[in-house]
Each structure stands twice: as C-alpha cells, then as structure tokens.
PDB file of all heavy atoms in Angstrom:
ATOM      1  N   LEU A   1      67.722 -35.672  82.529  1.00  0.00           N
ATOM      2  CA  LEU A   1      69.203 -35.881  82.028  1.00  0.00           C
ATOM      3  C   LEU A   1      70.207 -35.779  83.056  1.00  0.00           C
ATOM      4  O   LEU A   1      71.152 -36.500  83.089  1.00  0.00           O
ATOM      5  CB  LEU A   1      69.451 -35.009  80.755  1.00  0.00           C
ATOM      6  CG  LEU A   1      70.777 -35.185  80.211  1.00  0.00           C
ATOM      7  CD1 LEU A   1      70.998 -36.604  79.612  1.00  0.00           C
ATOM      8  CD2 LEU A   1      70.884 -34.226  79.010  1.00  0.00           C
ATOM      9  N   HIS A   2      70.104 -34.750  83.890  1.00  0.00           N
ATOM     10  CA  HIS A   2      71.064 -34.504  84.994  1.00  0.00           C
ATOM     11  C   HIS A   2      70.998 -35.660  85.989  1.00  0.00           C
ATOM     12  O   HIS A   2      72.064 -36.148  86.456  1.00  0.00           O
ATOM     13  CB  HIS A   2      70.629 -33.204  85.647  1.00  0.00           C
ATOM     14  CG  HIS A   2      71.470 -32.913  86.926  1.00  0.00           C
ATOM     15  ND1 HIS A   2      70.935 -32.936  88.206  1.00  0.00           N
ATOM     16  CD2 HIS A   2      72.732 -32.512  87.067  1.00  0.00           C
ATOM     17  CE1 HIS A   2      71.849 -32.695  89.079  1.00  0.00           C
ATOM     18  NE2 HIS A   2      72.996 -32.419  88.456  1.00  0.00           N
ATOM     19  N   SER A   3      69.751 -36.075  86.339  1.00  0.00           N
ATOM     20  CA  SER A   3      69.641 -37.225  87.245  1.00  0.00           C
ATOM     21  C   SER A   3      70.234 -38.484  86.691  1.00  0.00           C
ATOM     22  O   SER A   3      70.908 -39.275  87.419  1.00  0.00           O
ATOM     23  CB  SER A   3      68.108 -37.381  87.700  1.00  0.00           C
ATOM     24  OG  SER A   3      67.913 -38.500  88.502  1.00  0.00           O
ATOM     25  N   MET A   4      70.079 -38.746  85.449  1.00  0.00           N
ATOM     26  CA  MET A   4      70.568 -39.875  84.804  1.00  0.00           C
ATOM     27  C   MET A   4      72.074 -39.927  84.813  1.00  0.00           C
ATOM     28  O   MET A   4      72.788 -40.890  84.962  1.00  0.00           O
ATOM     29  CB  MET A   4      70.032 -40.054  83.368  1.00  0.00           C
ATOM     30  CG  MET A   4      68.567 -40.432  83.303  1.00  0.00           C
ATOM     31  SD  MET A   4      67.955 -40.407  81.476  1.00  0.00           S
ATOM     32  CE  MET A   4      68.886 -41.728  80.852  1.00  0.00           C
ATOM     33  N   ALA A   5      72.617 -38.733  84.606  1.00  0.00           N
ATOM     34  CA  ALA A   5      74.127 -38.483  84.684  1.00  0.00           C
ATOM     35  C   ALA A   5      74.662 -38.897  86.078  1.00  0.00           C
ATOM     36  O   ALA A   5      75.713 -39.480  86.184  1.00  0.00           O
ATOM     37  CB  ALA A   5      74.480 -37.112  84.251  1.00  0.00           C
ATOM     38  N   LEU A   6      73.937 -38.502  87.005  1.00  0.00           N
ATOM     39  CA  LEU A   6      74.339 -38.709  88.471  1.00  0.00           C
ATOM     40  C   LEU A   6      74.339 -40.189  88.835  1.00  0.00           C
ATOM     41  O   LEU A   6      75.126 -40.658  89.555  1.00  0.00           O
ATOM     42  CB  LEU A   6      73.399 -37.882  89.420  1.00  0.00           C
ATOM     43  CG  LEU A   6      73.582 -36.468  89.451  1.00  0.00           C
ATOM     44  CD1 LEU A   6      72.569 -35.735  90.420  1.00  0.00           C
ATOM     45  CD2 LEU A   6      74.981 -35.933  89.809  1.00  0.00           C
ATOM     46  N   GLN A   7      73.348 -40.947  88.115  1.00  0.00           N
ATOM     47  CA  GLN A   7      73.205 -42.373  88.427  1.00  0.00           C
ATOM     48  C   GLN A   7      74.108 -43.197  87.442  1.00  0.00           C
ATOM     49  O   GLN A   7      74.053 -44.429  87.508  1.00  0.00           O
ATOM     50  CB  GLN A   7      71.757 -42.746  88.321  1.00  0.00           C
ATOM     51  CG  GLN A   7      70.869 -42.018  89.252  1.00  0.00           C
ATOM     52  CD  GLN A   7      69.369 -42.335  89.127  1.00  0.00           C
ATOM     53  OE1 GLN A   7      69.037 -43.547  88.892  1.00  0.00           O
ATOM     54  NE2 GLN A   7      68.505 -41.321  88.998  1.00  0.00           N
ATOM     55  N   GLY A   8      74.870 -42.575  86.566  1.00  0.00           N
ATOM     56  CA  GLY A   8      75.662 -43.294  85.594  1.00  0.00           C
ATOM     57  C   GLY A   8      74.938 -43.927  84.413  1.00  0.00           C
ATOM     58  O   GLY A   8      75.452 -44.734  83.712  1.00  0.00           O
ATOM     59  N   GLN A   9      73.687 -43.369  84.209  1.00  0.00           N
ATOM     60  CA  GLN A   9      72.881 -43.815  83.073  1.00  0.00           C
ATOM     61  C   GLN A   9      73.038 -42.909  81.918  1.00  0.00           C
ATOM     62  O   GLN A   9      72.442 -43.102  80.858  1.00  0.00           O
ATOM     63  CB  GLN A   9      71.517 -43.986  83.438  1.00  0.00           C
ATOM     64  CG  GLN A   9      71.209 -44.907  84.536  1.00  0.00           C
ATOM     65  CD  GLN A   9      69.840 -45.004  85.075  1.00  0.00           C
ATOM     66  OE1 GLN A   9      68.973 -44.169  84.678  1.00  0.00           O
ATOM     67  NE2 GLN A   9      69.474 -46.056  85.775  1.00  0.00           N
ATOM     68  N   ALA A  10      73.794 -41.768  82.010  1.00  0.00           N
ATOM     69  CA  ALA A  10      74.031 -40.830  80.889  1.00  0.00           C
ATOM     70  C   ALA A  10      75.531 -40.292  81.222  1.00  0.00           C
ATOM     71  O   ALA A  10      75.979 -40.510  82.330  1.00  0.00           O
ATOM     72  CB  ALA A  10      73.035 -39.612  80.926  1.00  0.00           C
ATOM     73  N   PRO A  11      76.142 -39.701  80.155  1.00  0.00           N
ATOM     74  CA  PRO A  11      77.462 -39.134  80.360  1.00  0.00           C
ATOM     75  C   PRO A  11      77.549 -38.369  81.621  1.00  0.00           C
ATOM     76  O   PRO A  11      76.698 -37.380  81.821  1.00  0.00           O
ATOM     77  CB  PRO A  11      77.756 -38.415  79.111  1.00  0.00           C
ATOM     78  CG  PRO A  11      76.832 -39.025  78.029  1.00  0.00           C
ATOM     79  CD  PRO A  11      75.658 -39.506  78.822  1.00  0.00           C
ATOM     80  N   ALA A  12      78.671 -38.526  82.380  1.00  0.00           N
ATOM     81  CA  ALA A  12      78.880 -37.783  83.587  1.00  0.00           C
ATOM     82  C   ALA A  12      79.033 -36.253  83.410  1.00  0.00           C
ATOM     83  O   ALA A  12      78.794 -35.399  84.246  1.00  0.00           O
ATOM     84  CB  ALA A  12      80.099 -38.201  84.406  1.00  0.00           C
ATOM     85  N   TRP A  13      79.318 -35.885  82.099  1.00  0.00           N
ATOM     86  CA  TRP A  13      79.420 -34.491  81.772  1.00  0.00           C
ATOM     87  C   TRP A  13      78.204 -33.621  82.011  1.00  0.00           C
ATOM     88  O   TRP A  13      78.223 -32.444  82.384  1.00  0.00           O
ATOM     89  CB  TRP A  13      79.868 -34.340  80.274  1.00  0.00           C
ATOM     90  CG  TRP A  13      80.255 -32.996  79.777  1.00  0.00           C
ATOM     91  CD1 TRP A  13      81.448 -32.355  80.003  1.00  0.00           C
ATOM     92  CD2 TRP A  13      79.406 -32.180  79.066  1.00  0.00           C
ATOM     93  NE1 TRP A  13      81.482 -31.205  79.412  1.00  0.00           N
ATOM     94  CE2 TRP A  13      80.203 -30.959  78.788  1.00  0.00           C
ATOM     95  CE3 TRP A  13      78.138 -32.160  78.459  1.00  0.00           C
ATOM     96  CZ2 TRP A  13      79.755 -29.784  78.075  1.00  0.00           C
ATOM     97  CZ3 TRP A  13      77.656 -31.086  77.857  1.00  0.00           C
ATOM     98  CH2 TRP A  13      78.431 -29.993  77.586  1.00  0.00           C
ATOM     99  N   PHE A  14      77.066 -34.325  81.945  1.00  0.00           N
ATOM    100  CA  PHE A  14      75.794 -33.641  82.101  1.00  0.00           C
ATOM    101  C   PHE A  14      75.488 -33.458  83.673  1.00  0.00           C
ATOM    102  O   PHE A  14      74.416 -32.794  83.925  1.00  0.00           O
ATOM    103  CB  PHE A  14      74.603 -34.377  81.459  1.00  0.00           C
ATOM    104  CG  PHE A  14      74.755 -34.339  80.005  1.00  0.00           C
ATOM    105  CD1 PHE A  14      74.978 -35.514  79.291  1.00  0.00           C
ATOM    106  CD2 PHE A  14      74.593 -33.190  79.276  1.00  0.00           C
ATOM    107  CE1 PHE A  14      74.916 -35.445  77.908  1.00  0.00           C
ATOM    108  CE2 PHE A  14      74.735 -33.132  77.860  1.00  0.00           C
ATOM    109  CZ  PHE A  14      74.829 -34.388  77.203  1.00  0.00           C
ATOM    110  N   SER A  15      76.261 -33.990  84.542  1.00  0.00           N
ATOM    111  CA  SER A  15      75.900 -33.809  85.975  1.00  0.00           C
ATOM    112  C   SER A  15      76.397 -32.473  86.473  1.00  0.00           C
ATOM    113  O   SER A  15      76.109 -32.182  87.724  1.00  0.00           O
ATOM    114  CB  SER A  15      76.576 -34.933  86.730  1.00  0.00           C
ATOM    115  OG  SER A  15      78.091 -34.821  86.640  1.00  0.00           O
ATOM    116  N   TYR A  16      77.129 -31.651  85.711  1.00  0.00           N
ATOM    117  CA  TYR A  16      77.655 -30.451  86.264  1.00  0.00           C
ATOM    118  C   TYR A  16      76.447 -29.406  86.445  1.00  0.00           C
ATOM    119  O   TYR A  16      75.537 -29.299  85.671  1.00  0.00           O
ATOM    120  CB  TYR A  16      78.518 -29.810  85.103  1.00  0.00           C
ATOM    121  CG  TYR A  16      79.009 -28.289  85.458  1.00  0.00           C
ATOM    122  CD1 TYR A  16      79.947 -28.115  86.385  1.00  0.00           C
ATOM    123  CD2 TYR A  16      78.305 -27.361  84.748  1.00  0.00           C
ATOM    124  CE1 TYR A  16      80.296 -26.717  86.622  1.00  0.00           C
ATOM    125  CE2 TYR A  16      78.696 -25.944  85.061  1.00  0.00           C
ATOM    126  CZ  TYR A  16      79.667 -25.737  85.931  1.00  0.00           C
ATOM    127  OH  TYR A  16      79.975 -24.406  86.202  1.00  0.00           O
ATOM    128  N   VAL A  17      76.583 -28.695  87.618  1.00  0.00           N
ATOM    129  CA  VAL A  17      75.642 -27.557  87.844  1.00  0.00           C
ATOM    130  C   VAL A  17      76.505 -26.305  88.243  1.00  0.00           C
ATOM    131  O   VAL A  17      77.609 -26.448  88.552  1.00  0.00           O
ATOM    132  CB  VAL A  17      74.751 -27.882  89.029  1.00  0.00           C
ATOM    133  CG1 VAL A  17      73.824 -29.066  88.751  1.00  0.00           C
ATOM    134  CG2 VAL A  17      75.602 -28.250  90.325  1.00  0.00           C
ATOM    135  N   ASN A  18      75.919 -25.206  87.843  1.00  0.00           N
ATOM    136  CA  ASN A  18      76.595 -23.899  88.092  1.00  0.00           C
ATOM    137  C   ASN A  18      76.421 -23.540  89.600  1.00  0.00           C
ATOM    138  O   ASN A  18      75.744 -24.224  90.367  1.00  0.00           O
ATOM    139  CB  ASN A  18      76.161 -22.803  87.117  1.00  0.00           C
ATOM    140  CG  ASN A  18      74.699 -22.447  87.365  1.00  0.00           C
ATOM    141  OD1 ASN A  18      74.027 -22.984  88.308  1.00  0.00           O
ATOM    142  ND2 ASN A  18      74.170 -21.660  86.447  1.00  0.00           N
ATOM    143  N   ARG A  19      76.869 -22.327  89.969  1.00  0.00           N
ATOM    144  CA  ARG A  19      76.839 -21.997  91.348  1.00  0.00           C
ATOM    145  C   ARG A  19      75.452 -21.716  91.863  1.00  0.00           C
ATOM    146  O   ARG A  19      75.151 -21.603  93.050  1.00  0.00           O
ATOM    147  CB  ARG A  19      77.690 -20.738  91.623  1.00  0.00           C
ATOM    148  CG  ARG A  19      77.271 -19.500  90.892  1.00  0.00           C
ATOM    149  CD  ARG A  19      78.267 -18.368  90.955  1.00  0.00           C
ATOM    150  NE  ARG A  19      77.897 -17.221  90.188  1.00  0.00           N
ATOM    151  CZ  ARG A  19      77.269 -16.205  90.644  1.00  0.00           C
ATOM    152  NH1 ARG A  19      76.817 -16.268  91.996  1.00  0.00           N
ATOM    153  NH2 ARG A  19      76.906 -15.106  89.982  1.00  0.00           N
ATOM    154  N   HIS A  20      74.476 -21.600  90.988  1.00  0.00           N
ATOM    155  CA  HIS A  20      73.067 -21.450  91.319  1.00  0.00           C
ATOM    156  C   HIS A  20      72.371 -22.828  91.315  1.00  0.00           C
ATOM    157  O   HIS A  20      71.048 -22.824  91.595  1.00  0.00           O
ATOM    158  CB  HIS A  20      72.331 -20.488  90.314  1.00  0.00           C
ATOM    159  CG  HIS A  20      72.918 -19.095  90.233  1.00  0.00           C
ATOM    160  ND1 HIS A  20      72.837 -18.286  91.308  1.00  0.00           N
ATOM    161  CD2 HIS A  20      73.702 -18.521  89.290  1.00  0.00           C
ATOM    162  CE1 HIS A  20      73.446 -17.114  90.995  1.00  0.00           C
ATOM    163  NE2 HIS A  20      73.907 -17.199  89.818  1.00  0.00           N
ATOM    164  N   GLY A  21      73.036 -23.847  91.079  1.00  0.00           N
ATOM    165  CA  GLY A  21      72.435 -25.306  91.138  1.00  0.00           C
ATOM    166  C   GLY A  21      71.731 -25.595  89.872  1.00  0.00           C
ATOM    167  O   GLY A  21      70.892 -26.558  89.877  1.00  0.00           O
ATOM    168  N   VAL A  22      71.972 -24.834  88.662  1.00  0.00           N
ATOM    169  CA  VAL A  22      71.229 -25.122  87.535  1.00  0.00           C
ATOM    170  C   VAL A  22      72.150 -26.016  86.628  1.00  0.00           C
ATOM    171  O   VAL A  22      73.239 -25.674  86.387  1.00  0.00           O
ATOM    172  CB  VAL A  22      70.958 -23.834  86.792  1.00  0.00           C
ATOM    173  CG1 VAL A  22      70.339 -24.158  85.408  1.00  0.00           C
ATOM    174  CG2 VAL A  22      70.151 -22.935  87.578  1.00  0.00           C
ATOM    175  N   PRO A  23      71.610 -27.116  86.260  1.00  0.00           N
ATOM    176  CA  PRO A  23      72.422 -28.026  85.346  1.00  0.00           C
ATOM    177  C   PRO A  23      72.437 -27.441  83.896  1.00  0.00           C
ATOM    178  O   PRO A  23      71.814 -27.871  83.070  1.00  0.00           O
ATOM    179  CB  PRO A  23      71.628 -29.387  85.317  1.00  0.00           C
ATOM    180  CG  PRO A  23      70.221 -29.015  85.724  1.00  0.00           C
ATOM    181  CD  PRO A  23      70.350 -27.777  86.557  1.00  0.00           C
ATOM    182  N   VAL A  24      73.474 -26.503  83.803  1.00  0.00           N
ATOM    183  CA  VAL A  24      73.477 -25.736  82.491  1.00  0.00           C
ATOM    184  C   VAL A  24      73.795 -26.618  81.237  1.00  0.00           C
ATOM    185  O   VAL A  24      73.312 -26.357  80.115  1.00  0.00           O
ATOM    186  CB  VAL A  24      74.488 -24.538  82.652  1.00  0.00           C
ATOM    187  CG1 VAL A  24      73.836 -23.445  83.536  1.00  0.00           C
ATOM    188  CG2 VAL A  24      75.709 -24.964  83.095  1.00  0.00           C
ATOM    189  N   ARG A  25      74.673 -27.593  81.435  1.00  0.00           N
ATOM    190  CA  ARG A  25      75.021 -28.472  80.290  1.00  0.00           C
ATOM    191  C   ARG A  25      73.907 -29.271  79.874  1.00  0.00           C
ATOM    192  O   ARG A  25      73.637 -29.384  78.626  1.00  0.00           O
ATOM    193  CB  ARG A  25      76.252 -29.343  80.770  1.00  0.00           C
ATOM    194  CG  ARG A  25      77.523 -28.567  81.001  1.00  0.00           C
ATOM    195  CD  ARG A  25      78.592 -29.494  81.482  1.00  0.00           C
ATOM    196  NE  ARG A  25      79.841 -28.829  81.652  1.00  0.00           N
ATOM    197  CZ  ARG A  25      80.991 -29.303  82.282  1.00  0.00           C
ATOM    198  NH1 ARG A  25      80.959 -30.636  82.576  1.00  0.00           N
ATOM    199  NH2 ARG A  25      81.959 -28.573  82.450  1.00  0.00           N
ATOM    200  N   ALA A  26      73.087 -29.848  80.780  1.00  0.00           N
ATOM    201  CA  ALA A  26      71.936 -30.591  80.483  1.00  0.00           C
ATOM    202  C   ALA A  26      70.887 -29.711  79.851  1.00  0.00           C
ATOM    203  O   ALA A  26      70.190 -30.130  78.879  1.00  0.00           O
ATOM    204  CB  ALA A  26      71.439 -31.323  81.680  1.00  0.00           C
ATOM    205  N   LEU A  27      70.803 -28.533  80.406  1.00  0.00           N
ATOM    206  CA  LEU A  27      69.898 -27.602  79.814  1.00  0.00           C
ATOM    207  C   LEU A  27      70.184 -27.244  78.425  1.00  0.00           C
ATOM    208  O   LEU A  27      69.230 -27.163  77.544  1.00  0.00           O
ATOM    209  CB  LEU A  27      69.816 -26.279  80.772  1.00  0.00           C
ATOM    210  CG  LEU A  27      68.938 -25.131  80.263  1.00  0.00           C
ATOM    211  CD1 LEU A  27      67.477 -25.609  80.261  1.00  0.00           C
ATOM    212  CD2 LEU A  27      69.065 -23.941  81.186  1.00  0.00           C
ATOM    213  N   GLY A  28      71.439 -26.943  78.129  1.00  0.00           N
ATOM    214  CA  GLY A  28      71.789 -26.607  76.849  1.00  0.00           C
ATOM    215  C   GLY A  28      71.574 -27.678  75.765  1.00  0.00           C
ATOM    216  O   GLY A  28      71.069 -27.448  74.759  1.00  0.00           O
ATOM    217  N   ALA A  29      71.905 -28.997  76.229  1.00  0.00           N
ATOM    218  CA  ALA A  29      71.693 -30.122  75.370  1.00  0.00           C
ATOM    219  C   ALA A  29      70.195 -30.364  75.123  1.00  0.00           C
ATOM    220  O   ALA A  29      69.776 -30.544  73.944  1.00  0.00           O
ATOM    221  CB  ALA A  29      72.340 -31.361  75.991  1.00  0.00           C
ATOM    222  N   THR A  30      69.425 -30.222  76.132  1.00  0.00           N
ATOM    223  CA  THR A  30      67.995 -30.397  75.981  1.00  0.00           C
ATOM    224  C   THR A  30      67.427 -29.276  75.033  1.00  0.00           C
ATOM    225  O   THR A  30      66.535 -29.582  74.175  1.00  0.00           O
ATOM    226  CB  THR A  30      67.292 -30.338  77.307  1.00  0.00           C
ATOM    227  OG1 THR A  30      67.886 -31.326  78.205  1.00  0.00           O
ATOM    228  CG2 THR A  30      65.861 -30.641  77.209  1.00  0.00           C
ATOM    229  N   ALA A  31      67.859 -28.098  75.241  1.00  0.00           N
ATOM    230  CA  ALA A  31      67.268 -26.966  74.448  1.00  0.00           C
ATOM    231  C   ALA A  31      67.642 -27.178  72.971  1.00  0.00           C
ATOM    232  O   ALA A  31      66.913 -26.873  72.006  1.00  0.00           O
ATOM    233  CB  ALA A  31      67.836 -25.745  74.936  1.00  0.00           C
ATOM    234  N   LEU A  32      68.941 -27.637  72.696  1.00  0.00           N
ATOM    235  CA  LEU A  32      69.303 -27.856  71.305  1.00  0.00           C
ATOM    236  C   LEU A  32      68.517 -28.995  70.615  1.00  0.00           C
ATOM    237  O   LEU A  32      68.190 -28.909  69.500  1.00  0.00           O
ATOM    238  CB  LEU A  32      70.833 -28.248  71.321  1.00  0.00           C
ATOM    239  CG  LEU A  32      71.846 -27.097  71.567  1.00  0.00           C
ATOM    240  CD1 LEU A  32      73.308 -27.727  71.699  1.00  0.00           C
ATOM    241  CD2 LEU A  32      71.687 -26.082  70.424  1.00  0.00           C
ATOM    242  N   VAL A  33      68.253 -30.012  71.399  1.00  0.00           N
ATOM    243  CA  VAL A  33      67.369 -31.127  70.913  1.00  0.00           C
ATOM    244  C   VAL A  33      66.080 -30.541  70.498  1.00  0.00           C
ATOM    245  O   VAL A  33      65.409 -30.924  69.493  1.00  0.00           O
ATOM    246  CB  VAL A  33      67.331 -32.313  71.788  1.00  0.00           C
ATOM    247  CG1 VAL A  33      66.342 -33.410  71.344  1.00  0.00           C
ATOM    248  CG2 VAL A  33      68.796 -32.947  71.892  1.00  0.00           C
ATOM    249  N   GLY A  34      65.448 -29.835  71.504  1.00  0.00           N
ATOM    250  CA  GLY A  34      64.100 -29.268  71.214  1.00  0.00           C
ATOM    251  C   GLY A  34      64.137 -28.336  70.011  1.00  0.00           C
ATOM    252  O   GLY A  34      63.115 -28.321  69.189  1.00  0.00           O
ATOM    253  N   ALA A  35      65.136 -27.465  69.940  1.00  0.00           N
ATOM    254  CA  ALA A  35      65.165 -26.595  68.691  1.00  0.00           C
ATOM    255  C   ALA A  35      65.360 -27.364  67.350  1.00  0.00           C
ATOM    256  O   ALA A  35      64.823 -27.033  66.375  1.00  0.00           O
ATOM    257  CB  ALA A  35      66.357 -25.581  68.956  1.00  0.00           C
TER     258      ALA A  35
END
C-alpha cells in the first residue's frame, strides 16, 4: 500500500513514514482491514 501511494496508485496520504521509516498510516489501515 505504501509503494502504491508513492507511485500514485493509492492516496498519497499512505506514503507517510515515521522517523523510523515505518509507514504507520498504511500499517494502521491494513491492520483495520484485517481486523
């Protein structure tokens, strides 16, 4: 999801990463869908 956001194939909002390089927004969205 993060890679798709970087390539313009998903909302750019998901391209954000924290200072550790973790795409937390994409992680949260994916975890919510899984749950």
